[in-house]
Amino acid sequence: MRDENVVFIGKKGTMAYVLAVVTQMNQNATEVTIKARGKAISKAVDVAEIVRNKFIKEAKIGSIDISTDEVIAEGGNRLNVSAIEIKIVK
């Protein structure tokens, strides 16, 4: 998979990420991966469901991978942050 077929979920509105996924799918990408960490996980699930139910009816959830990433906070402390990868396949 190419890097441009990955959408990283952050602080923007949900529909901005939906538009990014739909645009990639309309440009003949057969698979798009949605990635998120921490509090953005729920937004990633929302994006996948909106794309699948409202915009691209033939899209399916290919796989869902969950993991824990270790990040270093500002004070030097190590934190465990949950992460998710949702593959949407057309």
Protein backbone atom coordinates (compact mmCIF):
# COMPACT_ATOMS: atom_id res chain seq x y z
CA MET A 1 0.00 0.00 0.00
CA ARG A 2 1.21 3.48 -0.82
CA ASP A 3 1.50 6.20 1.81
CA GLU A 4 -1.12 8.35 0.12
CA ASN A 5 -3.71 5.66 0.81
CA VAL A 6 -3.50 6.37 4.55
CA VAL A 7 -5.65 8.93 6.38
CA PHE A 8 -4.39 9.97 9.82
CA ILE A 9 -7.18 11.13 12.12
CA GLY A 10 -6.47 14.19 14.24
CA LYS A 11 -8.22 17.33 15.45
CA LYS A 12 -10.11 18.37 12.30
CA GLY A 13 -13.83 17.76 11.92
CA THR A 14 -15.08 14.30 11.04
CA MET A 15 -16.29 15.30 7.58
CA ALA A 16 -12.82 16.52 6.58
CA TYR A 17 -11.52 12.97 7.01
CA VAL A 18 -14.59 11.47 5.31
CA LEU A 19 -13.88 13.71 2.32
CA ALA A 20 -10.23 12.56 2.27
CA VAL A 21 -11.24 8.87 2.23
CA VAL A 22 -13.98 9.37 -0.39
CA THR A 23 -11.59 11.36 -2.60
CA GLN A 24 -9.01 8.58 -2.50
CA MET A 25 -11.63 5.95 -3.26
CA ASN A 26 -12.93 8.01 -6.20
CA GLN A 27 -9.37 8.23 -7.57
CA ASN A 28 -9.37 4.45 -8.03
CA ALA A 29 -7.76 3.50 -4.72
CA THR A 30 -9.03 0.01 -3.92
CA GLU A 31 -7.99 0.21 -0.27
CA VAL A 32 -7.67 3.12 2.17
CA THR A 33 -6.36 2.81 5.73
CA ILE A 34 -7.67 5.05 8.50
CA LYS A 35 -5.24 5.41 11.41
CA ALA A 36 -5.84 7.03 14.81
CA ARG A 37 -4.46 7.07 18.34
CA GLY A 38 -5.93 7.87 21.71
CA LYS A 39 -9.05 10.05 21.81
CA ALA A 40 -9.23 10.15 18.00
CA ILE A 41 -10.13 6.43 17.82
CA SER A 42 -13.85 7.11 18.11
CA LYS A 43 -13.60 9.66 15.29
CA ALA A 44 -11.84 7.07 13.11
CA VAL A 45 -14.71 4.63 13.66
CA ASP A 46 -17.19 7.39 12.80
CA VAL A 47 -15.30 8.19 9.58
CA ALA A 48 -15.28 4.54 8.50
CA GLU A 49 -19.00 4.13 9.18
CA ILE A 50 -19.98 7.37 7.43
CA VAL A 51 -17.95 6.44 4.35
CA ARG A 52 -19.41 2.95 4.28
CA ASN A 53 -23.06 3.83 4.98
CA LYS A 54 -23.52 7.23 3.30
CA PHE A 55 -21.02 7.71 0.49
CA ILE A 56 -19.58 4.47 -0.91
CA LYS A 57 -22.14 1.72 -0.45
CA GLU A 58 -19.92 -0.98 -1.99
CA ALA A 59 -17.10 -0.28 0.49
CA LYS A 60 -16.42 -2.95 3.10
CA ILE A 61 -14.31 -3.05 6.24
CA GLY A 62 -11.24 -5.07 5.25
CA SER A 63 -9.63 -5.45 8.64
CA ILE A 64 -9.31 -3.70 11.98
CA ASP A 65 -6.00 -3.78 13.84
CA ILE A 66 -5.60 -2.47 17.36
CA SER A 67 -2.35 -1.89 19.19
CA THR A 68 -0.65 0.08 21.94
CA ASP A 69 2.00 2.66 21.11
CA GLU A 70 4.48 3.90 23.67
CA VAL A 71 5.01 7.66 23.50
CA ILE A 72 7.18 9.96 25.59
CA ALA A 73 5.31 12.81 27.28
CA GLU A 74 6.68 16.32 27.77
CA GLY A 75 8.02 15.48 31.22
CA GLY A 76 9.92 12.47 29.87
CA ASN A 77 7.40 9.95 31.17
CA ARG A 78 6.47 7.02 28.96
CA LEU A 79 2.78 6.65 28.21
CA ASN A 80 0.89 3.82 26.57
CA VAL A 81 -1.56 5.08 23.95
CA SER A 82 -4.10 2.89 22.17
CA ALA A 83 -4.07 2.91 18.36
CA ILE A 84 -6.35 1.59 15.62
CA GLU A 85 -6.02 0.92 11.89
CA ILE A 86 -9.21 0.42 9.87
CA LYS A 87 -8.84 -0.77 6.27
CA ILE A 88 -11.68 0.12 3.93
CA VAL A 89 -11.79 -1.94 0.71
CA LYS A 90 -13.81 -1.25 -2.40
